[in-house]
Amino acid sequence: MKLYANPTSPFVRLVRMALIEKGLTERVDTTFVDAWADDAAFLDANPAGRVPALVADDGTRLTEALLILAHLDAAGTTPALLAGGPAALSAAGVAIGVFDAAVAVIIGRKSAPDFDTGLVGQKRFRTMREGLRRLDAAFAESGDSFGLPAIAAITALDYLAFRFPDRDWRSLCPKVAAFRDAQADRPSVRDTVPRG
């Protein structure tokens, strides 16, 4: 398999963490790309020019992080990341909404330097703050399971700290922050921290 990735994308991080948790990193050739450049091989994998994009062994092109995770789960590799029922998927959805809002701000700044103070920017920051509070209120460490809710929560908190280091995100979600700290040495967490 070939994964087109970017070291800062939270959507890529979901997939990279999943590959580590499932023990599949040796089967995947990861190529880091600039998603803003028009690399022909990358665009062949995903004409939308977004990461992550996974080219399966049979040549099938898979895009969008959650669809890639569904494929990895359907392939029968354990642990199943999309398990846990509606409550788990709901928690993961809140966390994904948090970092999706953050990505929207980063992209918005490319076209409007005052994006943060405009209507859309303010709504995105509200989504991040309220999403972290809601995530923390519903967060329950799932024992031995390290599935999508845990991966998405860690990804959300780390991405906000990476992109907006001047804000105190951890105080909005102390349970999530404590869980993240307890997982700091876990290979899937340690080896995928966003760097730029």
N, C-alpha and C. Protein backbone atom coordinates (compact mmCIF):
# COMPACT_ATOMS: atom_id res chain seq x y z
N MET A 1 0.85 -1.18 0.00
CA MET A 1 0.00 0.00 0.00
C MET A 1 0.89 1.24 0.00
N LYS A 2 0.34 2.31 -0.55
CA LYS A 2 1.06 3.59 -0.56
C LYS A 2 0.16 4.65 0.04
N LEU A 3 0.69 5.37 1.01
CA LEU A 3 -0.04 6.44 1.67
C LEU A 3 0.58 7.77 1.30
N TYR A 4 -0.24 8.65 0.75
CA TYR A 4 0.18 10.03 0.52
C TYR A 4 -0.24 10.81 1.76
N ALA A 5 0.72 11.50 2.34
CA ALA A 5 0.49 12.10 3.65
C ALA A 5 1.18 13.46 3.74
N ASN A 6 0.90 14.14 4.83
CA ASN A 6 1.55 15.39 5.20
C ASN A 6 1.79 15.29 6.70
N PRO A 7 2.95 15.68 7.19
CA PRO A 7 3.25 15.47 8.62
C PRO A 7 2.45 16.35 9.57
N THR A 8 1.75 17.35 9.05
CA THR A 8 0.99 18.21 9.95
C THR A 8 -0.52 17.96 9.91
N SER A 9 -1.01 17.25 8.91
CA SER A 9 -2.45 17.05 8.76
C SER A 9 -3.03 16.17 9.86
N PRO A 10 -4.06 16.65 10.57
CA PRO A 10 -4.69 15.80 11.58
C PRO A 10 -5.44 14.62 10.96
N PHE A 11 -5.92 14.78 9.75
CA PHE A 11 -6.62 13.68 9.08
C PHE A 11 -5.62 12.57 8.74
N VAL A 12 -4.44 12.96 8.30
CA VAL A 12 -3.38 11.98 8.06
C VAL A 12 -3.00 11.31 9.36
N ARG A 13 -2.93 12.09 10.44
CA ARG A 13 -2.51 11.51 11.70
C ARG A 13 -3.46 10.39 12.14
N LEU A 14 -4.76 10.56 11.92
CA LEU A 14 -5.69 9.48 12.25
C LEU A 14 -5.27 8.18 11.57
N VAL A 15 -4.95 8.28 10.30
CA VAL A 15 -4.58 7.09 9.53
C VAL A 15 -3.23 6.55 9.98
N ARG A 16 -2.27 7.43 10.18
CA ARG A 16 -0.94 6.97 10.61
C ARG A 16 -1.01 6.28 11.97
N MET A 17 -1.79 6.85 12.90
CA MET A 17 -1.94 6.23 14.21
C MET A 17 -2.60 4.86 14.06
N ALA A 18 -3.62 4.79 13.21
CA ALA A 18 -4.33 3.52 12.99
C ALA A 18 -3.38 2.47 12.43
N LEU A 19 -2.55 2.85 11.48
CA LEU A 19 -1.61 1.89 10.89
C LEU A 19 -0.65 1.36 11.95
N ILE A 20 -0.20 2.22 12.84
CA ILE A 20 0.70 1.77 13.91
C ILE A 20 -0.05 0.84 14.86
N GLU A 21 -1.25 1.25 15.29
CA GLU A 21 -2.03 0.43 16.21
C GLU A 21 -2.35 -0.94 15.62
N LYS A 22 -2.55 -1.00 14.32
CA LYS A 22 -2.90 -2.25 13.65
C LYS A 22 -1.66 -3.04 13.21
N GLY A 23 -0.47 -2.49 13.44
CA GLY A 23 0.74 -3.19 13.06
C GLY A 23 0.96 -3.27 11.57
N LEU A 24 0.50 -2.26 10.84
CA LEU A 24 0.56 -2.31 9.38
C LEU A 24 1.62 -1.39 8.77
N THR A 25 2.41 -0.72 9.58
CA THR A 25 3.34 0.27 9.02
C THR A 25 4.34 -0.35 8.05
N GLU A 26 4.72 -1.58 8.28
CA GLU A 26 5.69 -2.24 7.39
C GLU A 26 5.09 -2.52 6.02
N ARG A 27 3.78 -2.56 5.92
CA ARG A 27 3.12 -2.85 4.65
C ARG A 27 2.77 -1.59 3.85
N VAL A 28 3.11 -0.42 4.43
CA VAL A 28 2.72 0.84 3.80
C VAL A 28 3.95 1.69 3.50
N ASP A 29 4.03 2.15 2.26
CA ASP A 29 5.05 3.10 1.86
C ASP A 29 4.43 4.49 1.99
N THR A 30 4.91 5.26 2.95
CA THR A 30 4.36 6.59 3.18
C THR A 30 5.20 7.63 2.46
N THR A 31 4.53 8.43 1.64
CA THR A 31 5.17 9.52 0.91
C THR A 31 4.58 10.83 1.38
N PHE A 32 5.43 11.69 1.93
CA PHE A 32 4.97 12.99 2.38
C PHE A 32 4.96 13.95 1.19
N VAL A 33 3.82 14.63 1.02
CA VAL A 33 3.64 15.54 -0.11
C VAL A 33 3.18 16.90 0.40
N ASP A 34 3.39 17.88 -0.44
CA ASP A 34 2.83 19.21 -0.21
C ASP A 34 1.46 19.20 -0.87
N ALA A 35 0.41 19.22 -0.06
CA ALA A 35 -0.94 19.12 -0.62
C ALA A 35 -1.31 20.32 -1.49
N TRP A 36 -0.55 21.39 -1.38
CA TRP A 36 -0.82 22.58 -2.19
C TRP A 36 -0.10 22.53 -3.54
N ALA A 37 0.81 21.59 -3.69
CA ALA A 37 1.50 21.43 -4.97
C ALA A 37 0.71 20.45 -5.82
N ASP A 38 0.95 20.48 -7.11
CA ASP A 38 0.21 19.62 -8.02
C ASP A 38 1.06 18.43 -8.47
N ASP A 39 1.54 17.65 -7.52
CA ASP A 39 2.31 16.46 -7.83
C ASP A 39 1.43 15.46 -8.58
N ALA A 40 1.88 15.02 -9.74
CA ALA A 40 1.06 14.17 -10.61
C ALA A 40 0.67 12.85 -9.95
N ALA A 41 1.61 12.19 -9.29
CA ALA A 41 1.30 10.90 -8.66
C ALA A 41 0.28 11.08 -7.53
N PHE A 42 0.43 12.14 -6.77
CA PHE A 42 -0.51 12.42 -5.69
C PHE A 42 -1.90 12.71 -6.25
N LEU A 43 -1.97 13.53 -7.30
CA LEU A 43 -3.28 13.85 -7.89
C LEU A 43 -3.91 12.62 -8.55
N ASP A 44 -3.08 11.69 -9.01
CA ASP A 44 -3.61 10.44 -9.54
C ASP A 44 -4.28 9.64 -8.41
N ALA A 45 -3.69 9.71 -7.21
CA ALA A 45 -4.27 9.01 -6.06
C ALA A 45 -5.52 9.71 -5.55
N ASN A 46 -5.53 11.03 -5.60
CA ASN A 46 -6.69 11.80 -5.14
C ASN A 46 -6.80 13.08 -5.95
N PRO A 47 -7.68 13.12 -6.95
CA PRO A 47 -7.80 14.31 -7.79
C PRO A 47 -8.22 15.56 -7.03
N ALA A 48 -8.76 15.39 -5.80
CA ALA A 48 -9.11 16.55 -4.99
C ALA A 48 -7.88 17.21 -4.39
N GLY A 49 -6.73 16.51 -4.45
CA GLY A 49 -5.50 17.08 -3.94
C GLY A 49 -5.49 17.22 -2.42
N ARG A 50 -6.13 16.28 -1.74
CA ARG A 50 -6.18 16.32 -0.27
C ARG A 50 -5.55 15.06 0.29
N VAL A 51 -4.92 15.24 1.43
CA VAL A 51 -4.37 14.10 2.16
C VAL A 51 -5.31 13.76 3.30
N PRO A 52 -5.35 12.49 3.69
CA PRO A 52 -4.58 11.36 3.18
C PRO A 52 -5.21 10.75 1.94
N ALA A 53 -4.38 10.06 1.20
CA ALA A 53 -4.85 9.24 0.08
C ALA A 53 -4.07 7.93 0.18
N LEU A 54 -4.79 6.83 0.08
CA LEU A 54 -4.17 5.51 0.18
C LEU A 54 -4.42 4.75 -1.11
N VAL A 55 -3.34 4.24 -1.69
CA VAL A 55 -3.46 3.37 -2.86
C VAL A 55 -3.25 1.95 -2.35
N ALA A 56 -4.31 1.15 -2.43
CA ALA A 56 -4.26 -0.23 -1.94
C ALA A 56 -3.40 -1.09 -2.86
N ASP A 57 -3.07 -2.27 -2.38
CA ASP A 57 -2.22 -3.17 -3.16
C ASP A 57 -2.79 -3.50 -4.53
N ASP A 58 -4.13 -3.51 -4.63
CA ASP A 58 -4.75 -3.82 -5.92
C ASP A 58 -4.93 -2.58 -6.79
N GLY A 59 -4.41 -1.43 -6.33
CA GLY A 59 -4.51 -0.19 -7.11
C GLY A 59 -5.71 0.67 -6.77
N THR A 60 -6.61 0.18 -5.94
CA THR A 60 -7.77 0.97 -5.54
C THR A 60 -7.30 2.21 -4.79
N ARG A 61 -7.88 3.34 -5.15
CA ARG A 61 -7.53 4.60 -4.51
C ARG A 61 -8.60 4.94 -3.47
N LEU A 62 -8.14 5.16 -2.25
CA LEU A 62 -9.04 5.49 -1.15
C LEU A 62 -8.67 6.87 -0.62
N THR A 63 -9.68 7.70 -0.46
CA THR A 63 -9.47 9.05 0.07
C THR A 63 -10.38 9.25 1.27
N GLU A 64 -10.08 10.28 2.03
CA GLU A 64 -10.80 10.64 3.24
C GLU A 64 -10.44 9.68 4.37
N ALA A 65 -9.99 10.24 5.48
CA ALA A 65 -9.47 9.46 6.59
C ALA A 65 -10.44 8.39 7.09
N LEU A 66 -11.69 8.76 7.30
CA LEU A 66 -12.63 7.78 7.86
C LEU A 66 -12.92 6.64 6.91
N LEU A 67 -12.91 6.90 5.62
CA LEU A 67 -13.10 5.83 4.65
C LEU A 67 -11.89 4.91 4.61
N ILE A 68 -10.72 5.48 4.77
CA ILE A 68 -9.51 4.66 4.84
C ILE A 68 -9.55 3.79 6.10
N LEU A 69 -9.97 4.36 7.23
CA LEU A 69 -10.08 3.57 8.46
C LEU A 69 -11.11 2.46 8.30
N ALA A 70 -12.21 2.75 7.65
CA ALA A 70 -13.23 1.71 7.42
C ALA A 70 -12.64 0.58 6.57
N HIS A 71 -11.85 0.94 5.57
CA HIS A 71 -11.19 -0.08 4.74
C HIS A 71 -10.24 -0.94 5.57
N LEU A 72 -9.45 -0.30 6.42
CA LEU A 72 -8.51 -1.05 7.25
C LEU A 72 -9.25 -1.98 8.21
N ASP A 73 -10.36 -1.52 8.77
CA ASP A 73 -11.16 -2.38 9.64
C ASP A 73 -11.78 -3.53 8.85
N ALA A 74 -12.28 -3.24 7.64
CA ALA A 74 -12.92 -4.28 6.82
C ALA A 74 -11.91 -5.33 6.36
N ALA A 75 -10.66 -4.93 6.28
CA ALA A 75 -9.62 -5.88 5.88
C ALA A 75 -9.36 -6.92 6.97
N GLY A 76 -9.95 -6.69 8.13
CA GLY A 76 -9.87 -7.68 9.20
C GLY A 76 -8.70 -7.51 10.14
N THR A 77 -7.94 -6.44 9.97
CA THR A 77 -6.83 -6.23 10.89
C THR A 77 -7.37 -5.70 12.21
N THR A 78 -6.77 -6.15 13.29
CA THR A 78 -7.23 -5.73 14.62
C THR A 78 -6.20 -4.78 15.22
N PRO A 79 -6.59 -3.96 16.15
CA PRO A 79 -7.93 -3.81 16.69
C PRO A 79 -8.85 -3.05 15.73
N ALA A 80 -10.15 -3.29 15.88
CA ALA A 80 -11.13 -2.56 15.08
C ALA A 80 -11.22 -1.14 15.64
N LEU A 81 -11.00 -0.16 14.78
CA LEU A 81 -10.98 1.23 15.24
C LEU A 81 -12.36 1.86 15.28
N LEU A 82 -13.25 1.40 14.43
CA LEU A 82 -14.57 2.00 14.34
C LEU A 82 -15.59 1.26 15.20
N ALA A 83 -15.11 0.49 16.15
CA ALA A 83 -15.99 -0.26 17.06
C ALA A 83 -16.44 0.64 18.20
N GLY A 84 -17.34 0.14 19.01
CA GLY A 84 -17.76 0.87 20.20
C GLY A 84 -19.15 1.45 20.11
N GLY A 85 -19.79 1.32 18.97
CA GLY A 85 -21.17 1.75 18.84
C GLY A 85 -21.33 3.26 18.70
N PRO A 86 -22.59 3.72 18.75
CA PRO A 86 -22.88 5.14 18.52
C PRO A 86 -22.18 6.09 19.48
N ALA A 87 -22.05 5.74 20.75
CA ALA A 87 -21.41 6.65 21.70
C ALA A 87 -19.95 6.90 21.32
N ALA A 88 -19.25 5.85 20.94
CA ALA A 88 -17.85 5.99 20.54
C ALA A 88 -17.73 6.82 19.27
N LEU A 89 -18.59 6.55 18.30
CA LEU A 89 -18.54 7.31 17.06
C LEU A 89 -18.93 8.77 17.28
N SER A 90 -19.85 9.00 18.21
CA SER A 90 -20.24 10.37 18.54
C SER A 90 -19.07 11.14 19.13
N ALA A 91 -18.36 10.53 20.07
CA ALA A 91 -17.20 11.19 20.68
C ALA A 91 -16.13 11.46 19.63
N ALA A 92 -15.88 10.49 18.77
CA ALA A 92 -14.90 10.68 17.71
C ALA A 92 -15.32 11.81 16.78
N GLY A 93 -16.61 11.88 16.48
CA GLY A 93 -17.12 12.93 15.62
C GLY A 93 -16.92 14.33 16.19
N VAL A 94 -17.09 14.46 17.50
CA VAL A 94 -16.86 15.77 18.14
C VAL A 94 -15.38 16.14 18.00
N ALA A 95 -14.49 15.19 18.28
CA ALA A 95 -13.06 15.46 18.18
C ALA A 95 -12.65 15.82 16.75
N ILE A 96 -13.19 15.09 15.79
CA ILE A 96 -12.89 15.38 14.38
C ILE A 96 -13.42 16.76 14.00
N GLY A 97 -14.60 17.12 14.52
CA GLY A 97 -15.13 18.46 14.27
C GLY A 97 -14.22 19.55 14.81
N VAL A 98 -13.56 19.28 15.94
CA VAL A 98 -12.63 20.26 16.53
C VAL A 98 -11.46 20.51 15.58
N PHE A 99 -10.80 19.44 15.14
CA PHE A 99 -9.64 19.72 14.29
C PHE A 99 -10.02 20.07 12.87
N ASP A 100 -11.21 19.71 12.43
CA ASP A 100 -11.69 20.16 11.12
C ASP A 100 -11.87 21.69 11.15
N ALA A 101 -12.39 22.21 12.25
CA ALA A 101 -12.53 23.67 12.40
C ALA A 101 -11.17 24.35 12.39
N ALA A 102 -10.20 23.72 13.05
CA ALA A 102 -8.86 24.29 13.09
C ALA A 102 -8.24 24.32 11.70
N VAL A 103 -8.41 23.25 10.94
CA VAL A 103 -7.89 23.21 9.57
C VAL A 103 -8.56 24.31 8.74
N ALA A 104 -9.86 24.52 8.94
CA ALA A 104 -10.57 25.57 8.20
C ALA A 104 -9.97 26.94 8.48
N VAL A 105 -9.54 27.18 9.72
CA VAL A 105 -8.91 28.46 10.05
C VAL A 105 -7.57 28.58 9.33
N ILE A 106 -6.77 27.52 9.37
CA ILE A 106 -5.46 27.57 8.71
C ILE A 106 -5.62 27.83 7.21
N ILE A 107 -6.57 27.17 6.58
CA ILE A 107 -6.81 27.37 5.15
C ILE A 107 -7.40 28.76 4.90
N GLY A 108 -8.33 29.18 5.76
CA GLY A 108 -8.93 30.51 5.61
C GLY A 108 -7.91 31.62 5.68
N ARG A 109 -6.91 31.46 6.51
CA ARG A 109 -5.85 32.48 6.64
C ARG A 109 -5.05 32.64 5.35
N LYS A 110 -5.02 31.62 4.52
CA LYS A 110 -4.29 31.70 3.26
C LYS A 110 -4.92 32.71 2.30
N SER A 111 -6.23 32.87 2.40
CA SER A 111 -6.90 33.79 1.49
C SER A 111 -7.35 35.09 2.15
N ALA A 112 -7.38 35.11 3.48
CA ALA A 112 -7.83 36.32 4.18
C ALA A 112 -7.03 36.47 5.48
N PRO A 113 -6.08 37.39 5.51
CA PRO A 113 -5.25 37.55 6.71
C PRO A 113 -6.04 37.84 7.99
N ASP A 114 -7.23 38.43 7.85
CA ASP A 114 -8.06 38.74 9.02
C ASP A 114 -9.14 37.68 9.24
N PHE A 115 -8.92 36.49 8.73
CA PHE A 115 -9.91 35.42 8.80
C PHE A 115 -10.39 35.16 10.22
N ASP A 116 -9.46 35.14 11.18
CA ASP A 116 -9.79 34.80 12.57
C ASP A 116 -10.88 35.70 13.15
N THR A 117 -10.89 36.97 12.79
CA THR A 117 -11.83 37.91 13.39
C THR A 117 -13.14 38.04 12.61
N GLY A 118 -13.21 37.45 11.45
CA GLY A 118 -14.44 37.48 10.67
C GLY A 118 -15.46 36.48 11.21
N LEU A 119 -16.66 36.51 10.66
CA LEU A 119 -17.75 35.67 11.11
C LEU A 119 -17.38 34.18 11.07
N VAL A 120 -16.84 33.72 9.96
CA VAL A 120 -16.52 32.29 9.83
C VAL A 120 -15.39 31.91 10.80
N GLY A 121 -14.36 32.74 10.88
CA GLY A 121 -13.26 32.45 11.79
C GLY A 121 -13.72 32.38 13.24
N GLN A 122 -14.56 33.30 13.65
CA GLN A 122 -15.07 33.28 15.02
C GLN A 122 -15.88 32.02 15.29
N LYS A 123 -16.68 31.61 14.31
CA LYS A 123 -17.45 30.38 14.48
C LYS A 123 -16.54 29.16 14.59
N ARG A 124 -15.46 29.14 13.82
CA ARG A 124 -14.53 28.01 13.88
C ARG A 124 -13.84 27.94 15.25
N PHE A 125 -13.43 29.08 15.78
CA PHE A 125 -12.82 29.07 17.11
C PHE A 125 -13.83 28.66 18.18
N ARG A 126 -15.07 29.08 18.02
CA ARG A 126 -16.11 28.63 18.96
C ARG A 126 -16.28 27.12 18.88
N THR A 127 -16.27 26.58 17.67
CA THR A 127 -16.36 25.13 17.49
C THR A 127 -15.22 24.42 18.21
N MET A 128 -14.03 24.96 18.11
CA MET A 128 -12.88 24.34 18.77
C MET A 128 -13.06 24.36 20.30
N ARG A 129 -13.40 25.52 20.85
CA ARG A 129 -13.55 25.64 22.31
C ARG A 129 -14.67 24.76 22.83
N GLU A 130 -15.84 24.89 22.22
CA GLU A 130 -17.00 24.14 22.71
C GLU A 130 -16.85 22.65 22.44
N GLY A 131 -16.22 22.32 21.33
CA GLY A 131 -15.98 20.92 21.02
C GLY A 131 -15.08 20.26 22.05
N LEU A 132 -14.02 20.95 22.46
CA LEU A 132 -13.14 20.39 23.49
C LEU A 132 -13.89 20.22 24.81
N ARG A 133 -14.71 21.21 25.17
CA ARG A 133 -15.49 21.08 26.42
C ARG A 133 -16.44 19.89 26.36
N ARG A 134 -17.13 19.76 25.25
CA ARG A 134 -18.07 18.64 25.10
C ARG A 134 -17.35 17.31 25.08
N LEU A 135 -16.22 17.27 24.38
CA LEU A 135 -15.43 16.06 24.33
C LEU A 135 -14.98 15.66 25.73
N ASP A 136 -14.54 16.61 26.51
CA ASP A 136 -14.07 16.31 27.86
C ASP A 136 -15.21 15.83 28.74
N ALA A 137 -16.38 16.43 28.60
CA ALA A 137 -17.53 16.03 29.42
C ALA A 137 -17.95 14.60 29.13
N ALA A 138 -17.77 14.17 27.89
CA ALA A 138 -18.20 12.82 27.51
C ALA A 138 -17.05 11.83 27.49
N PHE A 139 -15.83 12.31 27.72
CA PHE A 139 -14.67 11.45 27.54
C PHE A 139 -14.61 10.39 28.62
N ALA A 140 -14.45 9.17 28.16
CA ALA A 140 -14.28 8.05 29.08
C ALA A 140 -13.15 7.20 28.55
N GLU A 141 -12.12 7.04 29.36
CA GLU A 141 -11.02 6.19 28.94
C GLU A 141 -11.58 4.79 28.75
N SER A 142 -11.27 4.19 27.63
CA SER A 142 -11.91 2.93 27.27
C SER A 142 -11.08 1.71 27.63
N GLY A 143 -10.39 1.77 28.75
CA GLY A 143 -9.65 0.60 29.22
C GLY A 143 -8.57 0.18 28.25
N ASP A 144 -8.64 -1.08 27.80
CA ASP A 144 -7.62 -1.61 26.91
C ASP A 144 -7.81 -1.14 25.46
N SER A 145 -8.97 -0.61 25.15
CA SER A 145 -9.26 -0.20 23.78
C SER A 145 -8.64 1.16 23.47
N PHE A 146 -7.97 1.23 22.35
CA PHE A 146 -7.40 2.49 21.87
C PHE A 146 -7.91 2.68 20.46
N GLY A 147 -9.20 2.98 20.38
CA GLY A 147 -9.85 3.10 19.09
C GLY A 147 -9.97 4.53 18.63
N LEU A 148 -10.88 4.76 17.71
CA LEU A 148 -11.03 6.06 17.10
C LEU A 148 -11.32 7.18 18.10
N PRO A 149 -12.17 7.00 19.12
CA PRO A 149 -12.38 8.12 20.05
C PRO A 149 -11.08 8.59 20.71
N ALA A 150 -10.24 7.67 21.14
CA ALA A 150 -8.97 8.05 21.78
C ALA A 150 -8.04 8.70 20.77
N ILE A 151 -7.92 8.09 19.59
CA ILE A 151 -7.04 8.63 18.55
C ILE A 151 -7.48 10.03 18.14
N ALA A 152 -8.78 10.21 17.93
CA ALA A 152 -9.29 11.51 17.50
C ALA A 152 -9.14 12.57 18.59
N ALA A 153 -9.36 12.20 19.84
CA ALA A 153 -9.23 13.16 20.94
C ALA A 153 -7.78 13.64 21.07
N ILE A 154 -6.84 12.71 21.02
CA ILE A 154 -5.42 13.09 21.10
C ILE A 154 -5.03 13.94 19.90
N THR A 155 -5.51 13.55 18.73
CA THR A 155 -5.20 14.31 17.52
C THR A 155 -5.74 15.73 17.62
N ALA A 156 -6.96 15.88 18.11
CA ALA A 156 -7.56 17.21 18.23
C ALA A 156 -6.75 18.10 19.17
N LEU A 157 -6.45 17.60 20.35
CA LEU A 157 -5.73 18.41 21.33
C LEU A 157 -4.34 18.77 20.82
N ASP A 158 -3.63 17.81 20.27
CA ASP A 158 -2.28 18.07 19.77
C ASP A 158 -2.28 19.04 18.59
N TYR A 159 -3.28 18.92 17.71
CA TYR A 159 -3.31 19.80 16.55
C TYR A 159 -3.57 21.25 16.96
N LEU A 160 -4.47 21.46 17.91
CA LEU A 160 -4.73 22.82 18.36
C LEU A 160 -3.50 23.40 19.06
N ALA A 161 -2.83 22.60 19.87
CA ALA A 161 -1.61 23.08 20.54
C ALA A 161 -0.52 23.40 19.51
N PHE A 162 -0.46 22.63 18.44
CA PHE A 162 0.54 22.84 17.39
C PHE A 162 0.24 24.11 16.59
N ARG A 163 -1.01 24.28 16.18
CA ARG A 163 -1.37 25.40 15.31
C ARG A 163 -1.63 26.72 16.05
N PHE A 164 -2.10 26.62 17.27
CA PHE A 164 -2.46 27.82 18.04
C PHE A 164 -1.82 27.73 19.43
N PRO A 165 -0.48 27.77 19.49
CA PRO A 165 0.22 27.54 20.76
C PRO A 165 0.03 28.65 21.79
N ASP A 166 -0.50 29.77 21.38
CA ASP A 166 -0.70 30.88 22.31
C ASP A 166 -1.99 30.74 23.13
N ARG A 167 -2.75 29.71 22.90
CA ARG A 167 -4.02 29.51 23.61
C ARG A 167 -3.93 28.30 24.54
N ASP A 168 -4.65 28.38 25.64
CA ASP A 168 -4.64 27.30 26.63
C ASP A 168 -5.78 26.33 26.34
N TRP A 169 -5.52 25.39 25.45
CA TRP A 169 -6.54 24.41 25.07
C TRP A 169 -6.73 23.34 26.14
N ARG A 170 -5.66 22.99 26.83
CA ARG A 170 -5.71 21.90 27.80
C ARG A 170 -6.67 22.17 28.94
N SER A 171 -6.81 23.44 29.33
CA SER A 171 -7.72 23.75 30.44
C SER A 171 -9.18 23.52 30.07
N LEU A 172 -9.48 23.47 28.78
CA LEU A 172 -10.85 23.20 28.34
C LEU A 172 -11.19 21.72 28.38
N CYS A 173 -10.16 20.88 28.44
CA CYS A 173 -10.40 19.44 28.40
C CYS A 173 -9.39 18.71 29.28
N PRO A 174 -9.45 18.91 30.60
CA PRO A 174 -8.43 18.32 31.48
C PRO A 174 -8.40 16.79 31.46
N LYS A 175 -9.56 16.13 31.29
CA LYS A 175 -9.55 14.66 31.22
C LYS A 175 -8.85 14.17 29.96
N VAL A 176 -9.14 14.82 28.86
CA VAL A 176 -8.49 14.45 27.60
C VAL A 176 -6.99 14.73 27.70
N ALA A 177 -6.62 15.88 28.28
CA ALA A 177 -5.21 16.24 28.42
C ALA A 177 -4.47 15.21 29.28
N ALA A 178 -5.08 14.78 30.38
CA ALA A 178 -4.45 13.78 31.25
C ALA A 178 -4.30 12.46 30.52
N PHE A 179 -5.32 12.07 29.77
CA PHE A 179 -5.25 10.83 28.99
C PHE A 179 -4.14 10.93 27.95
N ARG A 180 -4.07 12.07 27.27
CA ARG A 180 -3.02 12.26 26.26
C ARG A 180 -1.64 12.14 26.91
N ASP A 181 -1.46 12.75 28.07
CA ASP A 181 -0.18 12.69 28.76
C ASP A 181 0.18 11.25 29.14
N ALA A 182 -0.83 10.50 29.55
CA ALA A 182 -0.59 9.10 29.93
C ALA A 182 -0.20 8.24 28.73
N GLN A 183 -0.55 8.68 27.53
CA GLN A 183 -0.26 7.93 26.30
C GLN A 183 0.96 8.47 25.57
N ALA A 184 1.69 9.39 26.15
CA ALA A 184 2.77 10.09 25.46
C ALA A 184 3.83 9.15 24.88
N ASP A 185 4.10 8.03 25.54
CA ASP A 185 5.12 7.10 25.06
C ASP A 185 4.58 6.00 24.16
N ARG A 186 3.29 6.00 23.94
CA ARG A 186 2.70 5.01 23.04
C ARG A 186 3.22 5.30 21.63
N PRO A 187 3.74 4.33 20.90
CA PRO A 187 4.33 4.60 19.59
C PRO A 187 3.41 5.37 18.63
N SER A 188 2.14 5.03 18.60
CA SER A 188 1.24 5.72 17.67
C SER A 188 1.07 7.19 18.02
N VAL A 189 1.21 7.53 19.28
CA VAL A 189 1.12 8.93 19.71
C VAL A 189 2.47 9.62 19.50
N ARG A 190 3.49 9.03 20.03
CA ARG A 190 4.84 9.61 20.00
C ARG A 190 5.36 9.83 18.58
N ASP A 191 5.13 8.87 17.70
CA ASP A 191 5.75 8.91 16.37
C ASP A 191 4.95 9.70 15.34
N THR A 192 3.81 10.25 15.74
CA THR A 192 2.97 10.98 14.77
C THR A 192 2.68 12.41 15.19
N VAL A 193 3.33 12.89 16.23
CA VAL A 193 3.10 14.27 16.69
C VAL A 193 3.35 15.23 15.52
N PRO A 194 2.44 16.17 15.28
CA PRO A 194 2.63 17.08 14.15
C PRO A 194 3.87 17.95 14.31
N ARG A 195 4.60 18.06 13.22
CA ARG A 195 5.81 18.89 13.18
C ARG A 195 5.78 19.69 11.90
N GLY A 196 6.24 20.90 11.99
CA GLY A 196 6.22 21.72 10.77
C GLY A 196 7.31 22.73 10.71
